[in-house]
C-alpha atoms as a PDB file:
ATOM      1  CA  MET A   1      39.380  83.448  53.343  1.00  0.00           C
ATOM      2  CA  ILE A   2      39.115  79.786  54.311  1.00  0.00           C
ATOM      3  CA  VAL A   3      40.789  77.245  52.011  1.00  0.00           C
ATOM      4  CA  LYS A   4      39.938  73.604  52.670  1.00  0.00           C
ATOM      5  CA  VAL A   5      39.692  70.262  50.925  1.00  0.00           C
ATOM      6  CA  LYS A   6      36.646  68.544  52.393  1.00  0.00           C
ATOM      7  CA  GLU A   7      33.321  70.345  52.717  1.00  0.00           C
ATOM      8  CA  PRO A   8      32.878  72.229  56.024  1.00  0.00           C
ATOM      9  CA  GLN A   9      31.454  70.240  58.902  1.00  0.00           C
ATOM     10  CA  PRO A  10      28.510  71.567  60.975  1.00  0.00           C
ATOM     11  CA  GLN A  11      30.776  72.690  63.812  1.00  0.00           C
ATOM     12  CA  GLU A  12      32.938  74.605  61.326  1.00  0.00           C
ATOM     13  CA  ILE A  13      29.963  76.292  59.664  1.00  0.00           C
ATOM     14  CA  ALA A  14      28.807  77.421  63.107  1.00  0.00           C
ATOM     15  CA  MET A  15      32.038  79.426  63.506  1.00  0.00           C
ATOM     16  CA  MET A  16      31.867  81.206  60.145  1.00  0.00           C
ATOM     17  CA  ARG A  17      31.253  84.941  59.833  1.00  0.00           C
ATOM     18  CA  PRO A  18      29.199  86.874  57.271  1.00  0.00           C
ATOM     19  CA  GLY A  19      31.241  87.783  54.208  1.00  0.00           C
ATOM     20  CA  GLN A  20      33.938  85.148  54.692  1.00  0.00           C
ATOM     21  CA  VAL A  21      35.163  83.492  51.497  1.00  0.00           C
ATOM     22  CA  LEU A  22      35.135  79.691  51.575  1.00  0.00           C
ATOM     23  CA  PHE A  23      37.105  77.910  48.827  1.00  0.00           C
ATOM     24  CA  THR A  24      36.821  74.116  48.943  1.00  0.00           C
ATOM     25  CA  TYR A  25      34.934  71.092  47.647  1.00  0.00           C
ATOM     26  CA  LEU A  26      31.264  71.581  48.529  1.00  0.00           C
ATOM     27  CA  HIS A  27      29.092  69.030  46.639  1.00  0.00           C
ATOM     28  CA  LEU A  28      26.019  70.969  47.749  1.00  0.00           C
ATOM     29  CA  ALA A  29      23.534  69.174  45.488  1.00  0.00           C
ATOM     30  CA  ALA A  30      23.754  66.098  47.695  1.00  0.00           C
ATOM     31  CA  ASP A  31      23.963  68.010  50.998  1.00  0.00           C
ATOM     32  CA  PRO A  32      21.010  70.351  51.620  1.00  0.00           C
ATOM     33  CA  ALA A  33      21.901  70.754  55.310  1.00  0.00           C
ATOM     34  CA  GLN A  34      25.322  72.160  54.430  1.00  0.00           C
ATOM     35  CA  ALA A  35      23.763  74.459  51.819  1.00  0.00           C
ATOM     36  CA  ARG A  36      21.274  75.831  54.344  1.00  0.00           C
ATOM     37  CA  GLY A  37      24.062  76.425  56.842  1.00  0.00           C
ATOM     38  CA  LEU A  38      26.190  78.372  54.356  1.00  0.00           C
ATOM     39  CA  ILE A  39      23.186  80.408  53.224  1.00  0.00           C
ATOM     40  CA  GLU A  40      22.279  81.282  56.803  1.00  0.00           C
ATOM     41  CA  LYS A  41      25.879  82.269  57.591  1.00  0.00           C
ATOM     42  CA  ASP A  42      25.882  84.756  54.691  1.00  0.00           C
ATOM     43  CA  VAL A  43      29.241  83.546  53.345  1.00  0.00           C
ATOM     44  CA  VAL A  44      30.789  83.509  49.869  1.00  0.00           C
ATOM     45  CA  ALA A  45      31.161  79.832  48.944  1.00  0.00           C
ATOM     46  CA  ILE A  46      33.270  78.923  45.901  1.00  0.00           C
ATOM     47  CA  ALA A  47      33.309  75.227  45.009  1.00  0.00           C
ATOM     48  CA  TYR A  48      36.352  73.538  43.510  1.00  0.00           C
ATOM     49  CA  GLU A  49      34.134  71.096  41.638  1.00  0.00           C
ATOM     50  CA  THR A  50      32.369  73.706  39.478  1.00  0.00           C
ATOM     51  CA  VAL A  51      35.371  75.865  38.519  1.00  0.00           C
ATOM     52  CA  THR A  52      35.860  75.418  34.769  1.00  0.00           C
ATOM     53  CA  ASP A  53      38.626  75.880  32.200  1.00  0.00           C
ATOM     54  CA  GLU A  54      38.827  77.062  28.592  1.00  0.00           C
ATOM     55  CA  ARG A  55      38.189  73.530  27.289  1.00  0.00           C
ATOM     56  CA  GLY A  56      35.027  73.076  29.330  1.00  0.00           C
ATOM     57  CA  GLY A  57      36.795  70.837  31.830  1.00  0.00           C
ATOM     58  CA  LEU A  58      36.810  70.935  35.629  1.00  0.00           C
ATOM     59  CA  PRO A  59      40.471  71.572  36.512  1.00  0.00           C
ATOM     60  CA  LEU A  60      40.079  71.481  40.303  1.00  0.00           C
ATOM     61  CA  LEU A  61      37.996  68.320  40.248  1.00  0.00           C
ATOM     62  CA  ALA A  62      40.324  66.557  37.811  1.00  0.00           C
ATOM     63  CA  PRO A  63      43.193  65.768  40.253  1.00  0.00           C
ATOM     64  CA  MET A  64      40.878  64.086  42.745  1.00  0.00           C
ATOM     65  CA  SER A  65      38.997  62.373  39.926  1.00  0.00           C
ATOM     66  CA  GLU A  66      42.275  60.933  38.685  1.00  0.00           C
ATOM     67  CA  VAL A  67      43.079  59.641  42.164  1.00  0.00           C
ATOM     68  CA  ALA A  68      39.568  58.276  42.776  1.00  0.00           C
ATOM     69  CA  GLY A  69      39.414  56.626  39.362  1.00  0.00           C
ATOM     70  CA  ARG A  70      42.683  54.796  39.924  1.00  0.00           C
ATOM     71  CA  MET A  71      41.737  53.903  43.494  1.00  0.00           C
ATOM     72  CA  SER A  72      38.380  52.496  42.383  1.00  0.00           C
ATOM     73  CA  ILE A  73      40.049  49.564  40.646  1.00  0.00           C
ATOM     74  CA  GLN A  74      42.412  49.003  43.562  1.00  0.00           C
ATOM     75  CA  ALA A  75      39.437  48.962  45.957  1.00  0.00           C
ATOM     76  CA  GLY A  76      37.249  46.904  43.638  1.00  0.00           C
ATOM     77  CA  ALA A  77      39.917  44.253  43.130  1.00  0.00           C
ATOM     78  CA  HIS A  78      40.267  43.926  46.904  1.00  0.00           C
ATOM     79  CA  CYS A  79      36.494  43.651  47.367  1.00  0.00           C
ATOM     80  CA  LEU A  80      36.364  40.762  44.887  1.00  0.00           C
ATOM     81  CA  GLU A  81      38.377  38.654  47.334  1.00  0.00           C
ATOM     82  CA  MET A  82      36.470  35.983  49.265  1.00  0.00           C
ATOM     83  CA  GLU A  83      37.210  37.429  52.707  1.00  0.00           C
ATOM     84  CA  GLN A  84      35.662  40.732  51.626  1.00  0.00           C
ATOM     85  CA  GLY A  85      32.457  39.027  50.502  1.00  0.00           C
ATOM     86  CA  GLY A  86      33.428  38.992  46.836  1.00  0.00           C
ATOM     87  CA  ARG A  87      33.326  36.259  44.211  1.00  0.00           C
ATOM     88  CA  GLY A  88      36.914  35.237  44.843  1.00  0.00           C
ATOM     89  CA  MET A  89      38.175  36.478  41.493  1.00  0.00           C
ATOM     90  CA  LEU A  90      41.574  37.754  40.439  1.00  0.00           C
ATOM     91  CA  LEU A  91      40.945  40.762  38.236  1.00  0.00           C
ATOM     92  CA  GLY A  92      43.378  39.710  35.521  1.00  0.00           C
ATOM     93  CA  GLY A  93      42.842  35.956  35.773  1.00  0.00           C
ATOM     94  CA  VAL A  94      45.705  33.551  35.044  1.00  0.00           C
ATOM     95  CA  PRO A  95      46.562  31.361  32.035  1.00  0.00           C
ATOM     96  CA  GLY A  96      43.605  29.056  31.478  1.00  0.00           C
ATOM     97  CA  VAL A  97      41.262  31.123  33.687  1.00  0.00           C
ATOM     98  CA  PRO A  98      39.464  34.137  32.187  1.00  0.00           C
ATOM     99  CA  PRO A  99      39.861  37.611  33.710  1.00  0.00           C
ATOM    100  CA  ALA A 100      37.090  39.544  35.422  1.00  0.00           C
ATOM    101  CA  LYS A 101      34.720  41.766  33.465  1.00  0.00           C
ATOM    102  CA  VAL A 102      34.989  45.396  34.565  1.00  0.00           C
ATOM    103  CA  VAL A 103      32.246  47.817  33.519  1.00  0.00           C
ATOM    104  CA  VAL A 104      32.915  51.541  33.889  1.00  0.00           C
ATOM    105  CA  ILE A 105      29.857  53.792  33.628  1.00  0.00           C
ATOM    106  CA  GLY A 106      31.085  57.201  32.505  1.00  0.00           C
ATOM    107  CA  GLY A 107      34.048  57.993  30.289  1.00  0.00           C
ATOM    108  CA  GLY A 108      35.272  61.202  31.924  1.00  0.00           C
ATOM    109  CA  VAL A 109      38.359  61.671  34.073  1.00  0.00           C
ATOM    110  CA  VAL A 110      37.300  59.120  36.706  1.00  0.00           C
ATOM    111  CA  GLY A 111      36.230  56.568  34.125  1.00  0.00           C
ATOM    112  CA  THR A 112      39.328  56.977  31.978  1.00  0.00           C
ATOM    113  CA  ASN A 113      41.656  56.480  34.925  1.00  0.00           C
ATOM    114  CA  ALA A 114      39.646  53.503  36.170  1.00  0.00           C
ATOM    115  CA  ALA A 115      39.764  51.920  32.724  1.00  0.00           C
ATOM    116  CA  ARG A 116      43.503  52.524  32.455  1.00  0.00           C
ATOM    117  CA  MET A 117      44.157  50.779  35.771  1.00  0.00           C
ATOM    118  CA  ALA A 118      41.821  47.879  34.984  1.00  0.00           C
ATOM    119  CA  MET A 119      43.472  47.321  31.609  1.00  0.00           C
ATOM    120  CA  GLY A 120      46.854  47.419  33.318  1.00  0.00           C
ATOM    121  CA  LEU A 121      45.694  44.525  35.490  1.00  0.00           C
ATOM    122  CA  GLU A 122      44.549  42.700  32.330  1.00  0.00           C
ATOM    123  CA  ALA A 123      40.829  42.676  33.062  1.00  0.00           C
ATOM    124  CA  ARG A 124      38.209  42.776  30.286  1.00  0.00           C
ATOM    125  CA  VAL A 125      37.149  46.417  30.343  1.00  0.00           C
ATOM    126  CA  PHE A 126      33.995  48.058  29.005  1.00  0.00           C
ATOM    127  CA  VAL A 127      33.321  51.811  29.206  1.00  0.00           C
ATOM    128  CA  LEU A 128      29.796  53.169  28.749  1.00  0.00           C
ATOM    129  CA  ASP A 129      29.198  56.812  27.896  1.00  0.00           C
ATOM    130  CA  LYS A 130      26.451  58.758  26.134  1.00  0.00           C
ATOM    131  CA  SER A 131      28.919  60.945  24.225  1.00  0.00           C
ATOM    132  CA  LEU A 132      29.967  59.410  20.913  1.00  0.00           C
ATOM    133  CA  ARG A 133      32.815  61.884  20.692  1.00  0.00           C
ATOM    134  CA  ARG A 134      34.157  60.743  24.048  1.00  0.00           C
ATOM    135  CA  LEU A 135      33.854  57.087  23.043  1.00  0.00           C
ATOM    136  CA  GLN A 136      35.794  57.854  19.861  1.00  0.00           C
ATOM    137  CA  GLU A 137      38.532  59.528  21.904  1.00  0.00           C
ATOM    138  CA  LEU A 138      38.767  56.530  24.230  1.00  0.00           C
ATOM    139  CA  ASP A 139      38.836  54.127  21.296  1.00  0.00           C
ATOM    140  CA  PHE A 140      41.651  56.104  19.675  1.00  0.00           C
ATOM    141  CA  GLN A 141      43.557  56.287  22.979  1.00  0.00           C
ATOM    142  CA  PHE A 142      43.304  52.642  24.050  1.00  0.00           C
ATOM    143  CA  GLY A 143      42.486  50.716  20.886  1.00  0.00           C
ATOM    144  CA  ALA A 144      41.442  47.076  21.042  1.00  0.00           C
ATOM    145  CA  LYS A 145      42.251  46.745  24.755  1.00  0.00           C
ATOM    146  CA  LEU A 146      39.070  48.660  25.583  1.00  0.00           C
ATOM    147  CA  THR A 147      35.483  48.049  24.484  1.00  0.00           C
ATOM    148  CA  THR A 148      33.405  51.220  24.223  1.00  0.00           C
ATOM    149  CA  VAL A 149      29.608  51.083  24.474  1.00  0.00           C
ATOM    150  CA  PHE A 150      27.059  53.816  23.815  1.00  0.00           C
ATOM    151  CA  SER A 151      25.187  54.252  27.084  1.00  0.00           C
ATOM    152  CA  THR A 152      21.462  53.516  27.117  1.00  0.00           C
ATOM    153  CA  THR A 153      19.274  52.029  29.829  1.00  0.00           C
ATOM    154  CA  SER A 154      19.281  48.657  28.090  1.00  0.00           C
ATOM    155  CA  ALA A 155      23.057  48.749  27.520  1.00  0.00           C
ATOM    156  CA  ILE A 156      23.680  49.548  31.185  1.00  0.00           C
ATOM    157  CA  GLU A 157      21.433  46.691  32.267  1.00  0.00           C
ATOM    158  CA  GLU A 158      23.042  44.217  29.860  1.00  0.00           C
ATOM    159  CA  HIS A 159      26.594  44.950  30.946  1.00  0.00           C
ATOM    160  CA  VAL A 160      25.953  45.444  34.663  1.00  0.00           C
ATOM    161  CA  LEU A 161      24.217  42.080  34.950  1.00  0.00           C
ATOM    162  CA  SER A 162      27.203  40.262  33.437  1.00  0.00           C
ATOM    163  CA  ALA A 163      29.893  42.283  35.244  1.00  0.00           C
ATOM    164  CA  ASP A 164      32.152  41.197  38.071  1.00  0.00           C
ATOM    165  CA  LEU A 165      33.095  44.788  38.966  1.00  0.00           C
ATOM    166  CA  VAL A 166      31.140  47.954  38.134  1.00  0.00           C
ATOM    167  CA  ILE A 167      32.599  51.437  38.590  1.00  0.00           C
ATOM    168  CA  GLY A 168      30.127  54.323  38.876  1.00  0.00           C
ATOM    169  CA  ALA A 169      31.970  57.274  37.332  1.00  0.00           C
ATOM    170  CA  VAL A 170      29.205  59.632  36.213  1.00  0.00           C
ATOM    171  CA  LEU A 171      29.182  63.381  36.837  1.00  0.00           C
ATOM    172  CA  VAL A 172      26.744  66.207  36.202  1.00  0.00           C
ATOM    173  CA  PRO A 173      28.675  69.335  37.296  1.00  0.00           C
ATOM    174  CA  GLY A 174      27.106  70.830  40.401  1.00  0.00           C
ATOM    175  CA  ALA A 175      24.099  68.508  40.311  1.00  0.00           C
ATOM    176  CA  ALA A 176      23.188  65.268  42.044  1.00  0.00           C
ATOM    177  CA  ALA A 177      24.350  62.137  40.239  1.00  0.00           C
ATOM    178  CA  PRO A 178      21.649  60.312  38.248  1.00  0.00           C
ATOM    179  CA  LYS A 179      20.632  56.858  39.508  1.00  0.00           C
ATOM    180  CA  LEU A 180      21.666  54.788  36.503  1.00  0.00           C
ATOM    181  CA  VAL A 181      21.741  51.354  38.143  1.00  0.00           C
ATOM    182  CA  THR A 182      18.448  50.407  39.766  1.00  0.00           C
ATOM    183  CA  ARG A 183      17.894  48.114  42.715  1.00  0.00           C
ATOM    184  CA  GLU A 184      16.306  45.591  40.370  1.00  0.00           C
ATOM    185  CA  MET A 185      19.484  45.511  38.274  1.00  0.00           C
ATOM    186  CA  VAL A 186      21.580  45.003  41.408  1.00  0.00           C
ATOM    187  CA  ARG A 187      19.273  42.185  42.496  1.00  0.00           C
ATOM    188  CA  GLN A 188      19.970  40.372  39.215  1.00  0.00           C
ATOM    189  CA  MET A 189      23.761  40.754  39.365  1.00  0.00           C
ATOM    190  CA  LYS A 190      26.035  37.818  40.121  1.00  0.00           C
ATOM    191  CA  ARG A 191      26.375  37.084  43.844  1.00  0.00           C
ATOM    192  CA  GLY A 192      29.627  38.481  45.188  1.00  0.00           C
ATOM    193  CA  SER A 193      30.116  40.951  42.370  1.00  0.00           C
ATOM    194  CA  VAL A 194      31.230  44.452  43.349  1.00  0.00           C
ATOM    195  CA  LEU A 195      29.920  47.995  42.880  1.00  0.00           C
ATOM    196  CA  VAL A 196      32.275  50.937  43.473  1.00  0.00           C
ATOM    197  CA  ASP A 197      30.347  54.220  43.496  1.00  0.00           C
ATOM    198  CA  VAL A 198      32.838  57.033  42.922  1.00  0.00           C
ATOM    199  CA  ALA A 199      29.869  59.394  42.444  1.00  0.00           C
ATOM    200  CA  ILE A 200      28.798  58.964  46.080  1.00  0.00           C
ATOM    201  CA  ASP A 201      29.965  62.508  46.944  1.00  0.00           C
ATOM    202  CA  GLN A 202      27.211  63.719  44.616  1.00  0.00           C
ATOM    203  CA  GLY A 203      24.615  61.291  45.974  1.00  0.00           C
ATOM    204  CA  GLY A 204      25.725  58.164  44.121  1.00  0.00           C
ATOM    205  CA  CYS A 205      24.715  56.670  40.771  1.00  0.00           C
ATOM    206  CA  PHE A 206      23.517  53.293  42.090  1.00  0.00           C
ATOM    207  CA  GLU A 207      20.075  53.152  43.687  1.00  0.00           C
ATOM    208  CA  THR A 208      21.404  50.897  46.453  1.00  0.00           C
ATOM    209  CA  SER A 209      24.339  53.153  47.384  1.00  0.00           C
ATOM    210  CA  ARG A 210      24.786  54.888  50.717  1.00  0.00           C
ATOM    211  CA  PRO A 211      27.894  56.729  51.945  1.00  0.00           C
ATOM    212  CA  THR A 212      30.509  54.719  53.825  1.00  0.00           C
ATOM    213  CA  THR A 213      33.839  55.576  55.449  1.00  0.00           C
ATOM    214  CA  HIS A 214      37.436  54.458  55.125  1.00  0.00           C
ATOM    215  CA  ALA A 215      37.082  52.781  58.526  1.00  0.00           C
ATOM    216  CA  ASP A 216      34.034  50.782  57.396  1.00  0.00           C
ATOM    217  CA  PRO A 217      34.108  50.975  53.601  1.00  0.00           C
ATOM    218  CA  THR A 218      31.753  48.256  52.380  1.00  0.00           C
ATOM    219  CA  PHE A 219      28.333  46.723  52.853  1.00  0.00           C
ATOM    220  CA  VAL A 220      26.421  43.969  51.082  1.00  0.00           C
ATOM    221  CA  GLU A 221      23.069  44.772  49.490  1.00  0.00           C
ATOM    222  CA  GLU A 222      21.121  42.316  47.316  1.00  0.00           C
ATOM    223  CA  GLY A 223      24.097  39.954  47.508  1.00  0.00           C
ATOM    224  CA  VAL A 224      26.456  42.515  45.938  1.00  0.00           C
ATOM    225  CA  VAL A 225      29.415  44.145  47.704  1.00  0.00           C
ATOM    226  CA  HIS A 226      29.157  47.956  47.693  1.00  0.00           C
ATOM    227  CA  TYR A 227      32.165  50.247  48.161  1.00  0.00           C
ATOM    228  CA  CYS A 228      30.773  53.776  48.575  1.00  0.00           C
ATOM    229  CA  VAL A 229      33.450  55.706  50.447  1.00  0.00           C
ATOM    230  CA  ALA A 230      33.002  59.461  50.342  1.00  0.00           C
ATOM    231  CA  ASN A 231      36.265  61.334  49.767  1.00  0.00           C
ATOM    232  CA  MET A 232      38.112  58.292  48.433  1.00  0.00           C
ATOM    233  CA  PRO A 233      41.346  60.272  47.820  1.00  0.00           C
ATOM    234  CA  GLY A 234      41.642  60.861  51.573  1.00  0.00           C
ATOM    235  CA  ALA A 235      43.104  57.363  51.868  1.00  0.00           C
ATOM    236  CA  VAL A 236      46.167  58.484  49.901  1.00  0.00           C
ATOM    237  CA  ALA A 237      46.450  61.919  51.461  1.00  0.00           C
ATOM    238  CA  ARG A 238      50.009  62.707  50.399  1.00  0.00           C
ATOM    239  CA  THR A 239      49.417  62.058  46.706  1.00  0.00           C
ATOM    240  CA  SER A 240      46.048  63.819  46.833  1.00  0.00           C
ATOM    241  CA  THR A 241      47.361  66.902  48.640  1.00  0.00           C
ATOM    242  CA  LEU A 242      50.240  67.457  46.248  1.00  0.00           C
ATOM    243  CA  ALA A 243      48.002  66.955  43.203  1.00  0.00           C
ATOM    244  CA  LEU A 244      45.308  69.302  44.516  1.00  0.00           C
ATOM    245  CA  ASN A 245      47.759  72.022  45.568  1.00  0.00           C
ATOM    246  CA  ASN A 246      49.234  72.069  42.070  1.00  0.00           C
ATOM    247  CA  ALA A 247      45.787  72.819  40.643  1.00  0.00           C
ATOM    248  CA  THR A 248      44.314  75.176  43.260  1.00  0.00           C
ATOM    249  CA  LEU A 249      47.279  77.426  44.072  1.00  0.00           C
ATOM    250  CA  PRO A 250      46.870  79.879  41.141  1.00  0.00           C
ATOM    251  CA  PHE A 251      43.211  80.435  42.068  1.00  0.00           C
ATOM    252  CA  VAL A 252      44.029  80.869  45.770  1.00  0.00           C
ATOM    253  CA  ILE A 253      46.656  83.486  44.915  1.00  0.00           C
ATOM    254  CA  ALA A 254      44.214  85.345  42.654  1.00  0.00           C
ATOM    255  CA  LEU A 255      41.529  85.428  45.358  1.00  0.00           C
ATOM    256  CA  ALA A 256      44.026  86.574  48.001  1.00  0.00           C
ATOM    257  CA  ASP A 257      45.718  89.233  45.855  1.00  0.00           C
ATOM    258  CA  LYS A 258      42.666  90.685  44.125  1.00  0.00           C
ATOM    259  CA  GLY A 259      39.815  89.996  46.518  1.00  0.00           C
ATOM    260  CA  TYR A 260      37.004  87.714  45.457  1.00  0.00           C
ATOM    261  CA  ARG A 261      34.980  90.325  43.533  1.00  0.00           C
ATOM    262  CA  ARG A 262      37.796  91.341  41.206  1.00  0.00           C
ATOM    263  CA  ALA A 263      39.091  87.775  40.892  1.00  0.00           C
ATOM    264  CA  LEU A 264      35.654  86.517  39.836  1.00  0.00           C
ATOM    265  CA  ALA A 265      35.080  89.461  37.494  1.00  0.00           C
ATOM    266  CA  GLU A 266      38.381  88.883  35.689  1.00  0.00           C
ATOM    267  CA  ASP A 267      38.142  85.092  35.433  1.00  0.00           C
ATOM    268  CA  PRO A 268      34.877  83.598  34.126  1.00  0.00           C
ATOM    269  CA  HIS A 269      36.154  80.096  34.904  1.00  0.00           C
ATOM    270  CA  LEU A 270      36.647  80.916  38.580  1.00  0.00           C
ATOM    271  CA  LYS A 271      33.294  82.710  38.564  1.00  0.00           C
ATOM    272  CA  ALA A 272      31.654  79.425  37.560  1.00  0.00           C
ATOM    273  CA  GLY A 273      32.756  78.096  40.944  1.00  0.00           C
ATOM    274  CA  LEU A 274      30.605  80.532  42.922  1.00  0.00           C
ATOM    275  CA  ASN A 275      27.808  78.408  44.406  1.00  0.00           C
ATOM    276  CA  ILE A 276      26.507  80.611  47.234  1.00  0.00           C
ATOM    277  CA  HIS A 277      26.892  84.371  47.645  1.00  0.00           C
ATOM    278  CA  ARG A 278      25.679  86.170  50.747  1.00  0.00           C
ATOM    279  CA  GLY A 279      22.536  84.093  51.217  1.00  0.00           C
ATOM    280  CA  HIS A 280      21.751  83.346  47.551  1.00  0.00           C
ATOM    281  CA  VAL A 281      22.379  80.238  45.424  1.00  0.00           C
ATOM    282  CA  THR A 282      24.322  81.298  42.332  1.00  0.00           C
ATOM    283  CA  HIS A 283      24.824  77.996  40.504  1.00  0.00           C
ATOM    284  CA  PRO A 284      21.841  76.776  38.440  1.00  0.00           C
ATOM    285  CA  ALA A 285      22.447  73.044  38.906  1.00  0.00           C
ATOM    286  CA  VAL A 286      22.805  73.434  42.669  1.00  0.00           C
ATOM    287  CA  ALA A 287      19.636  75.531  42.885  1.00  0.00           C
ATOM    288  CA  GLU A 288      17.691  72.985  40.838  1.00  0.00           C
ATOM    289  CA  ALA A 289      18.935  70.026  42.876  1.00  0.00           C
ATOM    290  CA  LEU A 290      18.038  71.722  46.163  1.00  0.00           C
ATOM    291  CA  GLY A 291      14.763  73.247  44.980  1.00  0.00           C
ATOM    292  CA  LEU A 292      15.946  76.758  45.872  1.00  0.00           C
ATOM    293  CA  PRO A 293      15.725  80.039  43.934  1.00  0.00           C
ATOM    294  CA  TYR A 294      18.587  80.682  41.527  1.00  0.00           C
ATOM    295  CA  THR A 295      20.283  84.076  41.318  1.00  0.00           C
ATOM    296  CA  PRO A 296      22.646  84.620  38.333  1.00  0.00           C
ATOM    297  CA  VAL A 297      26.199  85.359  39.435  1.00  0.00           C
ATOM    298  CA  ASP A 298      26.525  88.627  37.499  1.00  0.00           C
ATOM    299  CA  ALA A 299      23.259  89.976  38.867  1.00  0.00           C
ATOM    300  CA  GLU A 300      24.215  89.001  42.400  1.00  0.00           C
ATOM    301  CA  LEU A 301      27.689  90.551  42.284  1.00  0.00           C
ATOM    302  CA  LYS A 302      26.377  93.721  40.662  1.00  0.00           C
ATOM    303  CA  ALA A 303      23.631  94.123  43.252  1.00  0.00           C
ATOM    304  CA  ALA A 304      25.875  93.463  46.241  1.00  0.00           C
END
């Protein structure tokens, strides 16, 4: 069994053997080359990001989402500085000078943590989500400090165009992120405003996004600063490692003690993490995103 954090690189996939169990973040919907490599190598690939829990959450994605959500405000505030190409705004303003407007698209774990950090810095914070229940939960949790907005195309356009900092925090488990902010919207944004695309690991939710690195994290497109670093939590590796180990260790022990077949059979939440099994795609969202045939997990494990 191979336990990692980041998805396997091409040189690592080349060394894999048929039947090996790979347990890591995969994000296959946005990476067809990696998916093809794992299929060809005939491995058993279990993705952290699609393992579920009894509440319908994603317990192995949550720790990194918490880190990335909090980092997004830290990074966005830095990008708003003049030397970074930003508008030269202090996120929280000062007496007599209004604070920046922060728009968070998506009210899940990333969005909640981003909103919490932005409110802590005294910005004006708006969270958009298409779930009324989630908006009610956020309203109850944060009260008048946070403005919640039901997410529609027109609402996204209205708030993005007036924002100083936009955080892309959307997630469709296993699938590519939807492009919610179009190039035309970006073109109409204020010059020097900032987009932070936390969804870049799943392809990004801004049409103008492209992956960047910690060494070269930003670029300017349509006059707007883009921060689109893949694997954002890698910048704070100690915090991220400890948080991830706390969440993954019980699953690693189960796979090691029981073998993957028994572990998956006994835990439907871990079974939801199986993305590729011996040459077949076993997660419906991944199969749809890649345009590949889908094989149900139970049928695949029974036939093997």
